[in-house]
Amino acid sequence: MPTAFFSYARADSAIVRIFAQHLRADGINVFLDTEFLKPGERFEKVILEKVRSADALVFFVSPSSLHSKWVETELLAFGDSSKKLIIPVLINGTRYGDLPLRLARYQGVVVGDGATIPEVASRLSNTLHAQVGSAAPPRLAELSPEAGQRGADLAASIAADIRAPAVDPRSVGNRVFLVHGHDHEFRDEVAGYLRNLKIEPVILSQVRGVARSLLDKFEALATQAIFAVVLMSPDDLGASRVQYGHERGRENALKYRARENVILELGFFYGRLGWDHVFIVQKPAQDPVPDFELPSDLAGALIVETADEVDWHDELAERLRDAKLIGPD
């Protein structure tokens, strides 16, 4: 029997209980905190155990729940497992644009605009049965095998919809993310080359209307990328505090560095995509002094300089071929 934990604000208890009744009638085991907590039990310990043991988290999004400390805690606890199903249910006039960062990546369902509670509850029930791998129980004994197959196909289709990303993949082309610093001329040169290869680069600052903040937008787009091109240009100057504080340090200790956002996003893509799907192009400074300092953890990573004898264009094209993003010559 599929198990679903209902995460909600107390102000929404009435509508949540109606959903629970519908899902239980369809063979879903629903966890409601007001039903399983016993006197003397630690509130946070029991709830988090139930959250983590459930197959799915049904997150009721409303103006009240968006400001609930416990709702956020339950979502964080459940989100530790990427294999579990998270379904936002938007109620009381809430829209997709109101979703918090951690929920924006999941397709949800909306109560209203013609979709009634029984209709949405039925859709959730079918999705949960399909996700867990069992067929939803028939309501009529005379249900034919053909009708049962159609129902299973519909449930599988709904499950695919629920798992679909919140951002339309068509809005990010073929999902090659271009990370850059302040050198926009360098950025545009690399972007132009990618377009010549029939790849439309995803440039964060040039994508409109995807999310409410820069961090929201980055996560929504970056989590769909399958390859990243990272441009390191000498935008900043920095030094070790120990070296800078030495009597022979000061300005002599300063070195060129890439922008902090470039290093942060590079680490994100290395962790998400792996070394073979991240390509770094370094543009050296025009002046030979000071040096260009790279993070020490990048020792051994393949970094192509624009001044290298090996043309970065050829190296990038080869890596894209290996990733099957472009065809052979």
Protein backbone atom coordinates (compact mmCIF):
# COMPACT_ATOMS: atom_id res chain seq x y z
CA MET A 1 0.00 0.00 0.00
CA PRO A 2 1.52 3.37 -0.99
CA THR A 3 2.13 5.73 1.92
CA ALA A 4 1.84 9.50 1.65
CA PHE A 5 2.80 12.05 4.27
CA PHE A 6 0.61 15.15 4.20
CA SER A 7 2.55 18.32 4.93
CA TYR A 8 0.28 21.28 5.62
CA ALA A 9 -0.44 24.28 7.80
CA ARG A 10 -3.00 24.02 10.61
CA ALA A 11 -5.14 26.66 8.94
CA ASP A 12 -5.68 24.25 6.01
CA SER A 13 -6.74 21.25 8.11
CA ALA A 14 -10.30 21.08 6.74
CA ILE A 15 -9.35 20.72 3.07
CA VAL A 16 -6.45 18.39 3.94
CA ARG A 17 -8.79 15.99 5.75
CA ILE A 18 -11.06 15.85 2.71
CA PHE A 19 -8.07 14.85 0.57
CA ALA A 20 -7.12 12.21 3.15
CA GLN A 21 -10.59 10.67 3.00
CA HIS A 22 -10.50 10.43 -0.80
CA LEU A 23 -7.01 8.91 -0.95
CA ARG A 24 -7.73 6.38 1.80
CA ALA A 25 -10.82 5.26 -0.09
CA ASP A 26 -8.48 4.55 -3.02
CA GLY A 27 -6.11 2.43 -0.93
CA ILE A 28 -3.52 5.06 0.00
CA ASN A 29 -2.13 5.05 3.54
CA VAL A 30 -2.10 8.72 4.58
CA PHE A 31 0.05 10.02 7.46
CA LEU A 32 -1.56 12.96 9.28
CA ASP A 33 0.42 14.27 12.23
CA THR A 34 -2.68 14.83 14.36
CA GLU A 35 -3.51 11.11 14.10
CA PHE A 36 -0.23 9.35 14.87
CA LEU A 37 1.23 11.56 17.62
CA LYS A 38 0.79 10.15 21.13
CA PRO A 39 1.02 11.96 24.48
CA GLY A 40 4.60 12.35 25.65
CA GLU A 41 6.21 11.70 22.27
CA ARG A 42 8.78 14.12 20.90
CA PHE A 43 7.01 16.05 18.20
CA GLU A 44 9.97 16.55 15.87
CA LYS A 45 11.36 13.00 16.23
CA VAL A 46 8.11 11.19 15.42
CA ILE A 47 7.15 13.45 12.54
CA LEU A 48 10.54 13.22 10.84
CA GLU A 49 10.48 9.42 11.17
CA LYS A 50 7.09 9.33 9.46
CA VAL A 51 8.29 11.73 6.77
CA ARG A 52 11.28 9.59 5.92
CA SER A 53 9.33 6.31 5.93
CA ALA A 54 6.69 7.55 3.49
CA ASP A 55 6.72 6.87 -0.25
CA ALA A 56 5.57 10.37 -1.11
CA LEU A 57 5.27 13.82 0.40
CA VAL A 58 2.10 15.66 -0.56
CA PHE A 59 2.86 19.30 0.12
CA PHE A 60 -0.25 21.48 0.45
CA VAL A 61 0.87 24.92 -0.67
CA SER A 62 -1.14 27.85 0.66
CA PRO A 63 -0.41 31.32 2.03
CA SER A 64 -0.32 29.75 5.50
CA SER A 65 1.97 26.82 4.68
CA LEU A 66 4.49 29.04 2.89
CA HIS A 67 5.23 30.64 6.26
CA SER A 68 5.25 27.45 8.32
CA LYS A 69 8.53 26.43 9.96
CA TRP A 70 7.48 22.78 10.24
CA VAL A 71 6.37 22.50 6.63
CA GLU A 72 9.83 23.63 5.52
CA THR A 73 11.48 21.16 7.93
CA GLU A 74 9.38 18.26 6.61
CA LEU A 75 10.24 19.17 3.03
CA LEU A 76 13.96 19.30 3.81
CA ALA A 77 13.82 15.92 5.58
CA PHE A 78 11.96 14.28 2.72
CA GLY A 79 14.09 15.90 0.02
CA ASP A 80 17.15 13.96 1.22
CA SER A 81 15.99 11.07 -0.98
CA SER A 82 15.80 11.87 -4.69
CA LYS A 83 13.97 8.57 -5.34
CA LYS A 84 10.85 9.63 -3.48
CA LEU A 85 7.91 11.47 -4.93
CA ILE A 86 7.15 15.07 -3.97
CA ILE A 87 3.83 16.49 -5.14
CA PRO A 88 2.83 20.11 -4.49
CA VAL A 89 -0.93 20.63 -4.23
CA LEU A 90 -1.76 24.30 -4.67
CA ILE A 91 -4.81 25.40 -2.67
CA ASN A 92 -6.55 28.58 -1.55
CA GLY A 93 -5.60 30.59 -4.61
CA THR A 94 -1.87 29.76 -4.58
CA ARG A 95 -0.13 29.83 -7.99
CA TYR A 96 3.04 28.24 -9.36
CA GLY A 97 4.87 31.53 -9.06
CA ASP A 98 4.40 31.34 -5.28
CA LEU A 99 6.27 28.03 -4.91
CA PRO A 100 9.41 28.14 -2.73
CA LEU A 101 12.79 27.26 -4.21
CA ARG A 102 12.80 23.59 -3.15
CA LEU A 103 9.36 22.97 -4.64
CA ALA A 104 9.73 24.93 -7.88
CA ARG A 105 11.38 21.96 -9.64
CA TYR A 106 8.36 19.69 -9.14
CA GLN A 107 5.22 19.73 -11.23
CA GLY A 108 2.16 20.06 -9.04
CA VAL A 109 -1.61 20.13 -9.23
CA VAL A 110 -3.96 23.05 -8.59
CA VAL A 111 -7.30 22.98 -6.85
CA GLY A 112 -9.54 25.51 -8.60
CA ASP A 113 -9.98 26.81 -12.12
CA GLY A 114 -12.37 23.93 -12.81
CA ALA A 115 -10.37 21.23 -10.95
CA THR A 116 -12.37 20.01 -7.94
CA ILE A 117 -10.98 18.34 -4.84
CA PRO A 118 -12.30 14.86 -5.83
CA GLU A 119 -10.75 15.21 -9.31
CA VAL A 120 -7.37 16.29 -7.95
CA ALA A 121 -7.49 13.58 -5.24
CA SER A 122 -8.20 10.93 -7.87
CA ARG A 123 -5.25 12.12 -9.91
CA LEU A 124 -3.00 11.95 -6.85
CA SER A 125 -4.23 8.45 -6.03
CA ASN A 126 -3.50 7.13 -9.53
CA THR A 127 -0.08 8.75 -9.50
CA LEU A 128 0.86 7.25 -6.12
CA HIS A 129 -0.22 3.75 -7.18
CA ALA A 130 1.71 4.05 -10.44
CA GLN A 131 4.82 5.38 -8.69
CA VAL A 132 4.93 2.62 -6.12
CA GLY A 133 4.36 0.03 -8.84
CA SER A 134 0.91 -1.31 -8.06
CA ALA A 135 -2.30 -0.78 -9.95
CA ALA A 136 -4.97 1.37 -8.34
CA PRO A 137 -7.79 -0.77 -6.93
CA PRO A 138 -10.84 -0.93 -9.23
CA ARG A 139 -14.00 0.75 -8.01
CA LEU A 140 -16.26 -1.66 -9.97
CA ALA A 141 -15.99 -5.46 -9.91
CA GLU A 142 -16.99 -5.65 -13.57
CA LEU A 143 -14.09 -3.48 -14.72
CA SER A 144 -12.85 -5.03 -17.97
CA PRO A 145 -9.15 -5.87 -18.64
CA GLU A 146 -9.15 -3.29 -21.44
CA ALA A 147 -10.44 -0.61 -19.12
CA GLY A 148 -7.89 -1.64 -16.52
CA GLN A 149 -5.06 -1.28 -19.03
CA ARG A 150 -6.30 2.14 -20.07
CA GLY A 151 -6.38 3.13 -16.43
CA ALA A 152 -2.82 1.88 -15.88
CA ASP A 153 -1.63 3.78 -18.97
CA LEU A 154 -3.34 6.92 -17.71
CA ALA A 155 -1.77 6.51 -14.28
CA ALA A 156 1.69 6.11 -15.82
CA SER A 157 1.11 9.23 -17.89
CA ILE A 158 0.08 11.21 -14.82
CA ALA A 159 3.15 9.98 -12.94
CA ALA A 160 5.36 11.20 -15.78
CA ASP A 161 3.65 14.59 -15.59
CA ILE A 162 4.25 14.82 -11.87
CA ARG A 163 7.93 13.99 -12.30
CA ALA A 164 8.36 16.52 -15.12
CA PRO A 165 10.62 19.50 -14.32
CA ALA A 166 8.96 22.81 -13.54
CA VAL A 167 10.92 24.55 -16.30
CA ASP A 168 10.12 23.69 -19.91
CA PRO A 169 13.29 22.08 -21.39
CA ARG A 170 12.59 23.88 -24.66
CA SER A 171 13.28 27.15 -22.86
CA VAL A 172 16.90 26.11 -22.25
CA GLY A 173 17.72 24.74 -25.71
CA ASN A 174 19.82 21.61 -25.51
CA ARG A 175 20.85 22.46 -21.97
CA VAL A 176 24.50 23.48 -22.20
CA PHE A 177 25.07 25.97 -19.41
CA LEU A 178 27.60 28.77 -19.96
CA VAL A 179 29.21 30.07 -16.75
CA HIS A 180 31.03 33.39 -17.06
CA GLY A 181 32.45 36.32 -15.14
CA HIS A 182 32.72 40.01 -16.03
CA ASP A 183 34.38 39.54 -19.42
CA HIS A 184 31.29 39.73 -21.60
CA GLU A 185 33.31 39.88 -24.78
CA PHE A 186 34.86 36.52 -23.88
CA ARG A 187 31.39 35.18 -23.02
CA ASP A 188 29.94 36.28 -26.33
CA GLU A 189 32.86 34.78 -28.26
CA VAL A 190 32.33 31.35 -26.70
CA ALA A 191 28.53 31.64 -27.01
CA GLY A 192 28.93 32.44 -30.70
CA TYR A 193 31.10 29.39 -31.23
CA LEU A 194 28.55 27.16 -29.48
CA ARG A 195 25.83 28.52 -31.73
CA ASN A 196 27.97 27.71 -34.75
CA LEU A 197 27.93 24.14 -33.47
CA LYS A 198 24.11 24.29 -33.40
CA ILE A 199 24.04 24.54 -29.61
CA GLU A 200 22.14 27.34 -27.93
CA PRO A 201 23.99 28.17 -24.69
CA VAL A 202 22.07 28.82 -21.49
CA ILE A 203 23.28 32.19 -20.15
CA LEU A 204 21.70 32.93 -16.79
CA SER A 205 21.49 36.70 -17.19
CA GLN A 206 19.73 36.35 -20.55
CA VAL A 207 16.94 33.96 -19.52
CA ARG A 208 13.79 35.79 -18.49
CA GLY A 209 10.74 34.81 -16.53
CA VAL A 210 11.94 31.46 -15.15
CA ALA A 211 12.00 32.15 -11.41
CA ARG A 212 11.62 34.86 -8.81
CA SER A 213 15.24 35.40 -7.81
CA LEU A 214 18.71 34.85 -9.24
CA LEU A 215 19.28 31.79 -7.04
CA ASP A 216 15.87 30.35 -7.97
CA LYS A 217 16.64 30.89 -11.64
CA PHE A 218 20.08 29.29 -11.40
CA GLU A 219 18.79 26.17 -9.66
CA ALA A 220 15.83 25.81 -12.02
CA LEU A 221 18.04 26.00 -15.13
CA ALA A 222 21.27 24.44 -13.86
CA THR A 223 19.59 21.28 -12.60
CA GLN A 224 18.49 20.56 -16.19
CA ALA A 225 21.91 21.09 -17.75
CA ILE A 226 23.72 18.07 -19.16
CA PHE A 227 26.95 19.91 -19.95
CA ALA A 228 28.61 23.07 -18.66
CA VAL A 229 31.20 25.37 -20.20
CA VAL A 230 32.96 27.44 -17.54
CA LEU A 231 34.88 30.59 -18.48
CA MET A 232 37.61 31.77 -16.12
CA SER A 233 38.72 35.31 -16.81
CA PRO A 234 40.98 37.51 -14.62
CA ASP A 235 38.16 39.52 -13.08
CA ASP A 236 39.28 39.68 -9.43
CA LEU A 237 42.44 40.12 -7.39
CA GLY A 238 42.98 38.12 -4.20
CA ALA A 239 45.58 36.63 -1.87
CA SER A 240 46.07 34.33 1.07
CA ARG A 241 45.74 36.36 4.27
CA VAL A 242 49.00 34.85 5.55
CA GLN A 243 50.89 35.86 2.42
CA TYR A 244 49.27 39.28 2.26
CA GLY A 245 50.19 39.93 5.91
CA HIS A 246 53.85 39.02 5.40
CA GLU A 247 56.32 41.89 5.35
CA ARG A 248 57.17 41.08 1.74
CA GLY A 249 53.56 40.39 0.86
CA ARG A 250 50.92 43.09 0.55
CA GLU A 251 50.35 43.96 -3.08
CA ASN A 252 53.04 41.48 -4.12
CA ALA A 253 50.85 38.63 -2.85
CA LEU A 254 47.86 39.56 -5.00
CA LYS A 255 46.94 37.26 -7.88
CA TYR A 256 44.29 37.29 -10.54
CA ARG A 257 41.28 35.12 -9.82
CA ALA A 258 38.02 34.20 -11.47
CA ARG A 259 34.82 35.63 -10.04
CA GLU A 260 33.46 33.92 -6.92
CA ASN A 261 30.21 33.04 -8.66
CA VAL A 262 32.20 31.25 -11.38
CA ILE A 263 33.98 29.08 -8.78
CA LEU A 264 30.71 28.36 -6.97
CA GLU A 265 28.91 27.32 -10.16
CA LEU A 266 31.92 25.28 -11.30
CA GLY A 267 31.76 23.26 -8.08
CA PHE A 268 28.03 22.78 -8.53
CA PHE A 269 28.43 21.39 -12.05
CA TYR A 270 31.38 19.17 -11.13
CA GLY A 271 29.31 17.65 -8.36
CA ARG A 272 26.19 17.25 -10.49
CA LEU A 273 27.56 16.37 -13.93
CA GLY A 274 31.02 14.91 -13.27
CA TRP A 275 34.39 15.91 -14.67
CA ASP A 276 33.69 14.66 -18.19
CA HIS A 277 30.71 16.97 -18.68
CA VAL A 278 32.38 20.19 -17.55
CA PHE A 279 34.77 22.12 -19.81
CA ILE A 280 36.91 25.00 -18.52
CA VAL A 281 38.38 27.72 -20.70
CA GLN A 282 40.81 30.08 -18.98
CA LYS A 283 41.60 33.49 -20.42
CA PRO A 284 44.96 34.76 -19.11
CA ALA A 285 45.48 38.36 -18.09
CA GLN A 286 47.03 40.74 -20.61
CA ASP A 287 49.78 41.58 -18.10
CA PRO A 288 52.27 38.82 -17.15
CA VAL A 289 52.24 39.95 -13.51
CA PRO A 290 50.53 38.98 -11.27
CA ASP A 291 49.86 35.29 -11.89
CA PHE A 292 46.42 33.83 -12.51
CA GLU A 293 45.59 31.72 -9.44
CA LEU A 294 43.33 28.69 -9.83
CA PRO A 295 41.68 26.79 -6.95
CA SER A 296 44.09 24.14 -5.67
CA ASP A 297 41.41 21.45 -5.95
CA LEU A 298 41.51 21.87 -9.73
CA ALA A 299 45.01 20.41 -9.95
CA GLY A 300 44.88 17.78 -12.66
CA ALA A 301 41.67 19.08 -14.21
CA LEU A 302 41.67 19.73 -17.94
CA ILE A 303 41.79 23.50 -18.36
CA VAL A 304 42.42 24.98 -21.79
CA GLU A 305 43.86 28.48 -22.02
CA THR A 306 42.87 30.71 -24.89
CA ALA A 307 46.60 31.30 -25.49
CA ASP A 308 47.48 27.59 -25.61
CA GLU A 309 48.86 26.00 -28.73
CA VAL A 310 45.95 23.56 -28.48
CA ASP A 311 42.93 25.43 -29.82
CA TRP A 312 40.16 25.54 -27.23
CA HIS A 313 37.61 25.46 -30.05
CA ASP A 314 38.80 22.00 -31.13
CA GLU A 315 38.99 20.72 -27.56
CA LEU A 316 35.50 21.93 -26.73
CA ALA A 317 34.05 20.42 -29.90
CA GLU A 318 35.68 17.10 -29.06
CA ARG A 319 34.23 17.09 -25.55
CA LEU A 320 30.78 17.91 -26.93
CA ARG A 321 31.08 15.00 -29.35
CA ASP A 322 31.99 12.69 -26.47
CA ALA A 323 28.85 13.89 -24.67
CA LYS A 324 26.85 13.20 -27.89
CA LEU A 325 25.69 16.80 -28.09
CA ILE A 326 27.08 17.22 -31.59
CA GLY A 327 27.74 14.73 -34.35
CA PRO A 328 31.06 13.69 -35.86
CA ASP A 329 32.92 16.04 -38.20
